[in-house]
Amino acid sequence: MTPSAFKRSLLDKKPPDALSPALTALWWAGNDDWDKAHKIVMDEGGADCAWVHAHLHRAEGDPDNAGYWYRQSKRKAATVALKAEWSEMVAVLLEKTG
């Protein structure tokens, strides 16, 4: 799946099948459902979900909690706009799934 196809899928009622938990959470975040996105990353482990978790807390306006999750993801805290970070995350995570 390309980033463009992922973004187009936001018009659907549910995320595409076979997405990783991190990408599924980003899909819900892209549909302004913070709670569903957060539940997914809370229930999953790994650096990718920690990265999405950080983004969600940054979007929530909780920089301390976001900082914790950026550290868990082994990534520097983002300084770009939230939409730009979301787009970058989608591209990186889709590339990982190849």
PDB file of N, CA and C in Angstrom:
ATOM      1  N   MET A   1       0.848  -1.177   0.000  1.00  0.00           N
ATOM      2  CA  MET A   1       0.000   0.000   0.000  1.00  0.00           C
ATOM      3  C   MET A   1       0.892   1.239   0.000  1.00  0.00           C
ATOM      4  N   THR A   2       0.504   2.212  -0.751  1.00  0.00           N
ATOM      5  CA  THR A   2       1.240   3.473  -0.794  1.00  0.00           C
ATOM      6  C   THR A   2       0.663   4.433   0.251  1.00  0.00           C
ATOM      7  N   PRO A   3       1.435   5.453   0.627  1.00  0.00           N
ATOM      8  CA  PRO A   3       0.879   6.458   1.530  1.00  0.00           C
ATOM      9  C   PRO A   3      -0.388   7.115   0.969  1.00  0.00           C
ATOM     10  N   SER A   4      -0.429   7.335  -0.334  1.00  0.00           N
ATOM     11  CA  SER A   4      -1.625   7.939  -0.947  1.00  0.00           C
ATOM     12  C   SER A   4      -2.838   7.022  -0.801  1.00  0.00           C
ATOM     13  N   ALA A   5      -2.640   5.737  -1.028  1.00  0.00           N
ATOM     14  CA  ALA A   5      -3.739   4.777  -0.877  1.00  0.00           C
ATOM     15  C   ALA A   5      -4.193   4.707   0.579  1.00  0.00           C
ATOM     16  N   PHE A   6      -3.238   4.767   1.500  1.00  0.00           N
ATOM     17  CA  PHE A   6      -3.573   4.761   2.926  1.00  0.00           C
ATOM     18  C   PHE A   6      -4.445   5.976   3.247  1.00  0.00           C
ATOM     19  N   LYS A   7      -4.040   7.143   2.764  1.00  0.00           N
ATOM     20  CA  LYS A   7      -4.810   8.366   3.026  1.00  0.00           C
ATOM     21  C   LYS A   7      -6.199   8.278   2.397  1.00  0.00           C
ATOM     22  N   ARG A   8      -6.304   7.716   1.198  1.00  0.00           N
ATOM     23  CA  ARG A   8      -7.618   7.547   0.564  1.00  0.00           C
ATOM     24  C   ARG A   8      -8.509   6.604   1.374  1.00  0.00           C
ATOM     25  N   SER A   9      -7.888   5.621   2.022  1.00  0.00           N
ATOM     26  CA  SER A   9      -8.658   4.648   2.796  1.00  0.00           C
ATOM     27  C   SER A   9      -9.327   5.289   4.013  1.00  0.00           C
ATOM     28  N   LEU A  10      -8.909   6.486   4.380  1.00  0.00           N
ATOM     29  CA  LEU A  10      -9.539   7.174   5.512  1.00  0.00           C
ATOM     30  C   LEU A  10     -11.007   7.476   5.245  1.00  0.00           C
ATOM     31  N   LEU A  11     -11.417   7.424   3.988  1.00  0.00           N
ATOM     32  CA  LEU A  11     -12.819   7.648   3.628  1.00  0.00           C
ATOM     33  C   LEU A  11     -13.688   6.417   3.912  1.00  0.00           C
ATOM     34  N   ASP A  12     -13.045   5.266   4.131  1.00  0.00           N
ATOM     35  CA  ASP A  12     -13.775   4.029   4.415  1.00  0.00           C
ATOM     36  C   ASP A  12     -14.268   4.035   5.867  1.00  0.00           C
ATOM     37  N   LYS A  13     -15.137   3.089   6.183  1.00  0.00           N
ATOM     38  CA  LYS A  13     -15.706   3.016   7.534  1.00  0.00           C
ATOM     39  C   LYS A  13     -14.795   2.302   8.523  1.00  0.00           C
ATOM     40  N   LYS A  14     -13.863   1.527   7.983  1.00  0.00           N
ATOM     41  CA  LYS A  14     -12.927   0.817   8.857  1.00  0.00           C
ATOM     42  C   LYS A  14     -11.577   0.741   8.156  1.00  0.00           C
ATOM     43  N   PRO A  15     -10.511   0.501   8.930  1.00  0.00           N
ATOM     44  CA  PRO A  15      -9.184   0.442   8.313  1.00  0.00           C
ATOM     45  C   PRO A  15      -9.029  -0.781   7.405  1.00  0.00           C
ATOM     46  N   PRO A  16      -8.115  -0.696   6.455  1.00  0.00           N
ATOM     47  CA  PRO A  16      -7.854  -1.855   5.603  1.00  0.00           C
ATOM     48  C   PRO A  16      -7.408  -3.058   6.436  1.00  0.00           C
ATOM     49  N   ASP A  17      -7.712  -4.233   5.931  1.00  0.00           N
ATOM     50  CA  ASP A  17      -7.268  -5.459   6.591  1.00  0.00           C
ATOM     51  C   ASP A  17      -5.750  -5.567   6.519  1.00  0.00           C
ATOM     52  N   ALA A  18      -5.203  -6.296   7.436  1.00  0.00           N
ATOM     53  CA  ALA A  18      -3.785  -6.672   7.459  1.00  0.00           C
ATOM     54  C   ALA A  18      -2.833  -5.513   7.736  1.00  0.00           C
ATOM     55  N   LEU A  19      -3.323  -4.407   8.295  1.00  0.00           N
ATOM     56  CA  LEU A  19      -2.411  -3.350   8.723  1.00  0.00           C
ATOM     57  C   LEU A  19      -1.785  -3.760  10.056  1.00  0.00           C
ATOM     58  N   SER A  20      -0.572  -3.305  10.289  1.00  0.00           N
ATOM     59  CA  SER A  20       0.046  -3.520  11.590  1.00  0.00           C
ATOM     60  C   SER A  20      -0.749  -2.741  12.645  1.00  0.00           C
ATOM     61  N   PRO A  21      -0.591  -3.097  13.914  1.00  0.00           N
ATOM     62  CA  PRO A  21      -1.286  -2.327  14.949  1.00  0.00           C
ATOM     63  C   PRO A  21      -0.929  -0.837  14.908  1.00  0.00           C
ATOM     64  N   ALA A  22       0.328  -0.512  14.670  1.00  0.00           N
ATOM     65  CA  ALA A  22       0.737   0.898  14.623  1.00  0.00           C
ATOM     66  C   ALA A  22       0.034   1.629  13.487  1.00  0.00           C
ATOM     67  N   LEU A  23      -0.037   1.011  12.314  1.00  0.00           N
ATOM     68  CA  LEU A  23      -0.718   1.643  11.187  1.00  0.00           C
ATOM     69  C   LEU A  23      -2.224   1.711  11.410  1.00  0.00           C
ATOM     70  N   THR A  24      -2.786   0.705  12.043  1.00  0.00           N
ATOM     71  CA  THR A  24      -4.205   0.748  12.355  1.00  0.00           C
ATOM     72  C   THR A  24      -4.495   1.915  13.299  1.00  0.00           C
ATOM     73  N   ALA A  25      -3.649   2.099  14.291  1.00  0.00           N
ATOM     74  CA  ALA A  25      -3.815   3.231  15.209  1.00  0.00           C
ATOM     75  C   ALA A  25      -3.685   4.557  14.459  1.00  0.00           C
ATOM     76  N   LEU A  26      -2.739   4.651  13.543  1.00  0.00           N
ATOM     77  CA  LEU A  26      -2.610   5.879  12.753  1.00  0.00           C
ATOM     78  C   LEU A  26      -3.838   6.105  11.890  1.00  0.00           C
ATOM     79  N   TRP A  27      -4.427   5.028  11.377  1.00  0.00           N
ATOM     80  CA  TRP A  27      -5.644   5.164  10.585  1.00  0.00           C
ATOM     81  C   TRP A  27      -6.749   5.785  11.434  1.00  0.00           C
ATOM     82  N   TRP A  28      -6.930   5.268  12.656  1.00  0.00           N
ATOM     83  CA  TRP A  28      -7.955   5.829  13.539  1.00  0.00           C
ATOM     84  C   TRP A  28      -7.615   7.268  13.918  1.00  0.00           C
ATOM     85  N   ALA A  29      -6.351   7.538  14.158  1.00  0.00           N
ATOM     86  CA  ALA A  29      -5.946   8.914  14.463  1.00  0.00           C
ATOM     87  C   ALA A  29      -6.253   9.830  13.279  1.00  0.00           C
ATOM     88  N   GLY A  30      -6.026   9.340  12.073  1.00  0.00           N
ATOM     89  CA  GLY A  30      -6.323  10.107  10.871  1.00  0.00           C
ATOM     90  C   GLY A  30      -7.808  10.356  10.691  1.00  0.00           C
ATOM     91  N   ASN A  31      -8.622   9.576  11.365  1.00  0.00           N
ATOM     92  CA  ASN A  31     -10.074   9.756  11.354  1.00  0.00           C
ATOM     93  C   ASN A  31     -10.559  10.423  12.640  1.00  0.00           C
ATOM     94  N   ASP A  32      -9.643  11.070  13.320  1.00  0.00           N
ATOM     95  CA  ASP A  32      -9.964  11.834  14.534  1.00  0.00           C
ATOM     96  C   ASP A  32     -10.605  10.995  15.629  1.00  0.00           C
ATOM     97  N   ASP A  33     -10.184   9.727  15.722  1.00  0.00           N
ATOM     98  CA  ASP A  33     -10.662   8.886  16.822  1.00  0.00           C
ATOM     99  C   ASP A  33      -9.471   8.545  17.721  1.00  0.00           C
ATOM    100  N   TRP A  34      -9.100   9.530  18.537  1.00  0.00           N
ATOM    101  CA  TRP A  34      -7.946   9.413  19.421  1.00  0.00           C
ATOM    102  C   TRP A  34      -8.102   8.215  20.352  1.00  0.00           C
ATOM    103  N   ASP A  35      -9.306   8.022  20.881  1.00  0.00           N
ATOM    104  CA  ASP A  35      -9.518   6.942  21.854  1.00  0.00           C
ATOM    105  C   ASP A  35      -9.249   5.567  21.259  1.00  0.00           C
ATOM    106  N   LYS A  36      -9.767   5.295  20.055  1.00  0.00           N
ATOM    107  CA  LYS A  36      -9.514   3.996  19.426  1.00  0.00           C
ATOM    108  C   LYS A  36      -8.028   3.827  19.131  1.00  0.00           C
ATOM    109  N   ALA A  37      -7.413   4.883  18.621  1.00  0.00           N
ATOM    110  CA  ALA A  37      -5.978   4.817  18.315  1.00  0.00           C
ATOM    111  C   ALA A  37      -5.177   4.544  19.588  1.00  0.00           C
ATOM    112  N   HIS A  38      -5.515   5.234  20.649  1.00  0.00           N
ATOM    113  CA  HIS A  38      -4.776   5.088  21.903  1.00  0.00           C
ATOM    114  C   HIS A  38      -4.953   3.689  22.485  1.00  0.00           C
ATOM    115  N   LYS A  39      -6.171   3.159  22.417  1.00  0.00           N
ATOM    116  CA  LYS A  39      -6.398   1.804  22.941  1.00  0.00           C
ATOM    117  C   LYS A  39      -5.521   0.789  22.220  1.00  0.00           C
ATOM    118  N   ILE A  40      -5.383   0.934  20.914  1.00  0.00           N
ATOM    119  CA  ILE A  40      -4.561  -0.010  20.153  1.00  0.00           C
ATOM    120  C   ILE A  40      -3.116   0.038  20.620  1.00  0.00           C
ATOM    121  N   VAL A  41      -2.552   1.228  20.721  1.00  0.00           N
ATOM    122  CA  VAL A  41      -1.134   1.304  21.103  1.00  0.00           C
ATOM    123  C   VAL A  41      -0.920   0.970  22.569  1.00  0.00           C
ATOM    124  N   MET A  42      -1.944   1.140  23.392  1.00  0.00           N
ATOM    125  CA  MET A  42      -1.828   0.745  24.802  1.00  0.00           C
ATOM    126  C   MET A  42      -1.782  -0.776  24.929  1.00  0.00           C
ATOM    127  N   ASP A  43      -2.495  -1.463  24.045  1.00  0.00           N
ATOM    128  CA  ASP A  43      -2.585  -2.920  24.115  1.00  0.00           C
ATOM    129  C   ASP A  43      -1.436  -3.631  23.396  1.00  0.00           C
ATOM    130  N   GLU A  44      -0.641  -2.899  22.638  1.00  0.00           N
ATOM    131  CA  GLU A  44       0.447  -3.492  21.859  1.00  0.00           C
ATOM    132  C   GLU A  44       1.793  -2.999  22.384  1.00  0.00           C
ATOM    133  N   GLY A  45       2.822  -3.754  22.099  1.00  0.00           N
ATOM    134  CA  GLY A  45       4.167  -3.341  22.459  1.00  0.00           C
ATOM    135  C   GLY A  45       4.970  -3.010  21.221  1.00  0.00           C
ATOM    136  N   GLY A  46       6.218  -2.743  21.420  1.00  0.00           N
ATOM    137  CA  GLY A  46       7.122  -2.509  20.308  1.00  0.00           C
ATOM    138  C   GLY A  46       7.349  -1.037  20.027  1.00  0.00           C
ATOM    139  N   ALA A  47       8.446  -0.777  19.340  1.00  0.00           N
ATOM    140  CA  ALA A  47       8.867   0.591  19.062  1.00  0.00           C
ATOM    141  C   ALA A  47       7.901   1.335  18.150  1.00  0.00           C
ATOM    142  N   ASP A  48       7.302   0.649  17.188  1.00  0.00           N
ATOM    143  CA  ASP A  48       6.384   1.326  16.272  1.00  0.00           C
ATOM    144  C   ASP A  48       5.149   1.843  17.017  1.00  0.00           C
ATOM    145  N   CYS A  49       4.597   1.024  17.868  1.00  0.00           N
ATOM    146  CA  CYS A  49       3.430   1.462  18.640  1.00  0.00           C
ATOM    147  C   CYS A  49       3.823   2.541  19.644  1.00  0.00           C
ATOM    148  N   ALA A  50       5.011   2.457  20.194  1.00  0.00           N
ATOM    149  CA  ALA A  50       5.480   3.510  21.104  1.00  0.00           C
ATOM    150  C   ALA A  50       5.591   4.843  20.358  1.00  0.00           C
ATOM    151  N   TRP A  51       6.042   4.789  19.109  1.00  0.00           N
ATOM    152  CA  TRP A  51       6.154   5.998  18.301  1.00  0.00           C
ATOM    153  C   TRP A  51       4.781   6.614  18.059  1.00  0.00           C
ATOM    154  N   VAL A  52       3.819   5.781  17.696  1.00  0.00           N
ATOM    155  CA  VAL A  52       2.454   6.275  17.488  1.00  0.00           C
ATOM    156  C   VAL A  52       1.886   6.792  18.803  1.00  0.00           C
ATOM    157  N   HIS A  53       2.172   6.102  19.874  1.00  0.00           N
ATOM    158  CA  HIS A  53       1.718   6.518  21.204  1.00  0.00           C
ATOM    159  C   HIS A  53       2.251   7.915  21.517  1.00  0.00           C
ATOM    160  N   ALA A  54       3.509   8.147  21.214  1.00  0.00           N
ATOM    161  CA  ALA A  54       4.106   9.469  21.426  1.00  0.00           C
ATOM    162  C   ALA A  54       3.366  10.531  20.623  1.00  0.00           C
ATOM    163  N   HIS A  55       3.106  10.229  19.364  1.00  0.00           N
ATOM    164  CA  HIS A  55       2.391  11.173  18.502  1.00  0.00           C
ATOM    165  C   HIS A  55       1.015  11.504  19.079  1.00  0.00           C
ATOM    166  N   LEU A  56       0.318  10.497  19.571  1.00  0.00           N
ATOM    167  CA  LEU A  56      -1.018  10.717  20.125  1.00  0.00           C
ATOM    168  C   LEU A  56      -0.972  11.631  21.341  1.00  0.00           C
ATOM    169  N   HIS A  57       0.003  11.424  22.209  1.00  0.00           N
ATOM    170  CA  HIS A  57       0.098  12.292  23.395  1.00  0.00           C
ATOM    171  C   HIS A  57       0.569  13.690  23.021  1.00  0.00           C
ATOM    172  N   ARG A  58       1.368  13.788  21.980  1.00  0.00           N
ATOM    173  CA  ARG A  58       1.741  15.111  21.475  1.00  0.00           C
ATOM    174  C   ARG A  58       0.499  15.828  20.942  1.00  0.00           C
ATOM    175  N   ALA A  59      -0.332  15.117  20.204  1.00  0.00           N
ATOM    176  CA  ALA A  59      -1.569  15.695  19.671  1.00  0.00           C
ATOM    177  C   ALA A  59      -2.518  16.089  20.803  1.00  0.00           C
ATOM    178  N   GLU A  60      -2.480  15.336  21.870  1.00  0.00           N
ATOM    179  CA  GLU A  60      -3.336  15.595  23.030  1.00  0.00           C
ATOM    180  C   GLU A  60      -2.872  16.840  23.799  1.00  0.00           C
ATOM    181  N   GLY A  61      -1.622  17.226  23.580  1.00  0.00           N
ATOM    182  CA  GLY A  61      -1.077  18.367  24.308  1.00  0.00           C
ATOM    183  C   GLY A  61      -0.404  17.974  25.607  1.00  0.00           C
ATOM    184  N   ASP A  62       0.107  16.745  25.674  1.00  0.00           N
ATOM    185  CA  ASP A  62       0.779  16.233  26.867  1.00  0.00           C
ATOM    186  C   ASP A  62       2.238  15.942  26.520  1.00  0.00           C
ATOM    187  N   PRO A  63       3.091  16.989  26.476  1.00  0.00           N
ATOM    188  CA  PRO A  63       4.473  16.797  26.026  1.00  0.00           C
ATOM    189  C   PRO A  63       5.307  15.885  26.921  1.00  0.00           C
ATOM    190  N   ASP A  64       5.034  15.862  28.210  1.00  0.00           N
ATOM    191  CA  ASP A  64       5.807  14.990  29.097  1.00  0.00           C
ATOM    192  C   ASP A  64       5.538  13.522  28.787  1.00  0.00           C
ATOM    193  N   ASN A  65       4.273  13.175  28.645  1.00  0.00           N
ATOM    194  CA  ASN A  65       3.910  11.797  28.314  1.00  0.00           C
ATOM    195  C   ASN A  65       4.421  11.452  26.911  1.00  0.00           C
ATOM    196  N   ALA A  66       4.292  12.387  25.981  1.00  0.00           N
ATOM    197  CA  ALA A  66       4.810  12.158  24.627  1.00  0.00           C
ATOM    198  C   ALA A  66       6.310  11.894  24.679  1.00  0.00           C
ATOM    199  N   GLY A  67       7.025  12.676  25.465  1.00  0.00           N
ATOM    200  CA  GLY A  67       8.475  12.497  25.588  1.00  0.00           C
ATOM    201  C   GLY A  67       8.846  11.106  26.068  1.00  0.00           C
ATOM    202  N   TYR A  68       8.103  10.598  27.042  1.00  0.00           N
ATOM    203  CA  TYR A  68       8.339   9.240  27.534  1.00  0.00           C
ATOM    204  C   TYR A  68       8.211   8.241  26.388  1.00  0.00           C
ATOM    205  N   TRP A  69       7.142   8.370  25.591  1.00  0.00           N
ATOM    206  CA  TRP A  69       6.913   7.404  24.518  1.00  0.00           C
ATOM    207  C   TRP A  69       7.893   7.567  23.367  1.00  0.00           C
ATOM    208  N   TYR A  70       8.345   8.793  23.099  1.00  0.00           N
ATOM    209  CA  TYR A  70       9.408   8.949  22.097  1.00  0.00           C
ATOM    210  C   TYR A  70      10.662   8.213  22.560  1.00  0.00           C
ATOM    211  N   ARG A  71      10.978   8.325  23.838  1.00  0.00           N
ATOM    212  CA  ARG A  71      12.150   7.605  24.352  1.00  0.00           C
ATOM    213  C   ARG A  71      11.959   6.097  24.220  1.00  0.00           C
ATOM    214  N   GLN A  72      10.762   5.606  24.504  1.00  0.00           N
ATOM    215  CA  GLN A  72      10.490   4.173  24.362  1.00  0.00           C
ATOM    216  C   GLN A  72      10.626   3.717  22.912  1.00  0.00           C
ATOM    217  N   SER A  73      10.309   4.610  21.993  1.00  0.00           N
ATOM    218  CA  SER A  73      10.388   4.264  20.569  1.00  0.00           C
ATOM    219  C   SER A  73      11.799   4.410  20.014  1.00  0.00           C
ATOM    220  N   LYS A  74      12.706   4.963  20.836  1.00  0.00           N
ATOM    221  CA  LYS A  74      14.099   5.202  20.421  1.00  0.00           C
ATOM    222  C   LYS A  74      14.164   6.242  19.289  1.00  0.00           C
ATOM    223  N   ARG A  75      13.255   7.214  19.342  1.00  0.00           N
ATOM    224  CA  ARG A  75      13.209   8.281  18.341  1.00  0.00           C
ATOM    225  C   ARG A  75      13.242   9.629  19.053  1.00  0.00           C
ATOM    226  N   LYS A  76      13.766  10.609  18.331  1.00  0.00           N
ATOM    227  CA  LYS A  76      13.755  11.972  18.867  1.00  0.00           C
ATOM    228  C   LYS A  76      12.330  12.508  18.807  1.00  0.00           C
ATOM    229  N   ALA A  77      12.007  13.356  19.747  1.00  0.00           N
ATOM    230  CA  ALA A  77      10.689  13.983  19.753  1.00  0.00           C
ATOM    231  C   ALA A  77      10.520  14.830  18.496  1.00  0.00           C
ATOM    232  N   ALA A  78       9.356  14.747  17.914  1.00  0.00           N
ATOM    233  CA  ALA A  78       9.073  15.488  16.685  1.00  0.00           C
ATOM    234  C   ALA A  78       8.946  16.973  16.975  1.00  0.00           C
ATOM    235  N   THR A  79       9.360  17.766  16.003  1.00  0.00           N
ATOM    236  CA  THR A  79       9.209  19.215  16.102  1.00  0.00           C
ATOM    237  C   THR A  79       8.405  19.768  14.925  1.00  0.00           C
ATOM    238  N   VAL A  80       8.058  18.908  13.990  1.00  0.00           N
ATOM    239  CA  VAL A  80       7.268  19.336  12.830  1.00  0.00           C
ATOM    240  C   VAL A  80       5.787  19.385  13.206  1.00  0.00           C
ATOM    241  N   ALA A  81       4.982  19.945  12.342  1.00  0.00           N
ATOM    242  CA  ALA A  81       3.538  19.988  12.573  1.00  0.00           C
ATOM    243  C   ALA A  81       2.990  18.564  12.721  1.00  0.00           C
ATOM    244  N   LEU A  82       1.919  18.426  13.472  1.00  0.00           N
ATOM    245  CA  LEU A  82       1.327  17.110  13.718  1.00  0.00           C
ATOM    246  C   LEU A  82       0.961  16.390  12.426  1.00  0.00           C
ATOM    247  N   LYS A  83       0.371  17.091  11.473  1.00  0.00           N
ATOM    248  CA  LYS A  83      -0.005  16.444  10.209  1.00  0.00           C
ATOM    249  C   LYS A  83       1.225  15.958   9.451  1.00  0.00           C
ATOM    250  N   ALA A  84       2.291  16.725   9.502  1.00  0.00           N
ATOM    251  CA  ALA A  84       3.529  16.314   8.827  1.00  0.00           C
ATOM    252  C   ALA A  84       4.119  15.084   9.504  1.00  0.00           C
ATOM    253  N   GLU A  85       4.079  15.057  10.824  1.00  0.00           N
ATOM    254  CA  GLU A  85       4.582  13.890  11.543  1.00  0.00           C
ATOM    255  C   GLU A  85       3.739  12.663  11.209  1.00  0.00           C
ATOM    256  N   TRP A  86       2.417  12.826  11.206  1.00  0.00           N
ATOM    257  CA  TRP A  86       1.521  11.714  10.882  1.00  0.00           C
ATOM    258  C   TRP A  86       1.851  11.165   9.498  1.00  0.00           C
ATOM    259  N   SER A  87       2.008  12.036   8.518  1.00  0.00           N
ATOM    260  CA  SER A  87       2.327  11.601   7.148  1.00  0.00           C
ATOM    261  C   SER A  87       3.665  10.879   7.086  1.00  0.00           C
ATOM    262  N   GLU A  88       4.654  11.387   7.804  1.00  0.00           N
ATOM    263  CA  GLU A  88       5.969  10.737   7.836  1.00  0.00           C
ATOM    264  C   GLU A  88       5.862   9.348   8.459  1.00  0.00           C
ATOM    265  N   MET A  89       5.113   9.245   9.529  1.00  0.00           N
ATOM    266  CA  MET A  89       4.953   7.959  10.204  1.00  0.00           C
ATOM    267  C   MET A  89       4.279   6.949   9.283  1.00  0.00           C
ATOM    268  N   VAL A  90       3.237   7.372   8.591  1.00  0.00           N
ATOM    269  CA  VAL A  90       2.549   6.486   7.660  1.00  0.00           C
ATOM    270  C   VAL A  90       3.535   5.976   6.620  1.00  0.00           C
ATOM    271  N   ALA A  91       4.305   6.870   6.024  1.00  0.00           N
ATOM    272  CA  ALA A  91       5.251   6.479   4.968  1.00  0.00           C
ATOM    273  C   ALA A  91       6.294   5.508   5.508  1.00  0.00           C
ATOM    274  N   VAL A  92       6.865   5.807   6.661  1.00  0.00           N
ATOM    275  CA  VAL A  92       7.913   4.949   7.242  1.00  0.00           C
ATOM    276  C   VAL A  92       7.343   3.569   7.583  1.00  0.00           C
ATOM    277  N   LEU A  93       6.196   3.542   8.229  1.00  0.00           N
ATOM    278  CA  LEU A  93       5.628   2.258   8.652  1.00  0.00           C
ATOM    279  C   LEU A  93       5.126   1.437   7.477  1.00  0.00           C
ATOM    280  N   LEU A  94       4.597   2.081   6.453  1.00  0.00           N
ATOM    281  CA  LEU A  94       4.203   1.333   5.254  1.00  0.00           C
ATOM    282  C   LEU A  94       5.432   0.749   4.547  1.00  0.00           C
ATOM    283  N   GLU A  95       6.497   1.506   4.519  1.00  0.00           N
ATOM    284  CA  GLU A  95       7.730   1.010   3.881  1.00  0.00           C
ATOM    285  C   GLU A  95       8.258  -0.221   4.618  1.00  0.00           C
ATOM    286  N   LYS A  96       8.134  -0.223   5.936  1.00  0.00           N
ATOM    287  CA  LYS A  96       8.591  -1.371   6.727  1.00  0.00           C
ATOM    288  C   LYS A  96       7.798  -2.627   6.394  1.00  0.00           C
ATOM    289  N   THR A  97       6.526  -2.454   6.042  1.00  0.00           N
ATOM    290  CA  THR A  97       5.699  -3.628   5.746  1.00  0.00           C
ATOM    291  C   THR A  97       5.931  -4.122   4.321  1.00  0.00           C
ATOM    292  N   GLY A  98       6.571  -3.263   3.508  1.00  0.00           N
ATOM    293  CA  GLY A  98       6.988  -3.606   2.155  1.00  0.00           C
ATOM    294  C   GLY A  98       5.926  -4.159   1.324  1.00  0.00           C
TER     295      GLY A  98
END
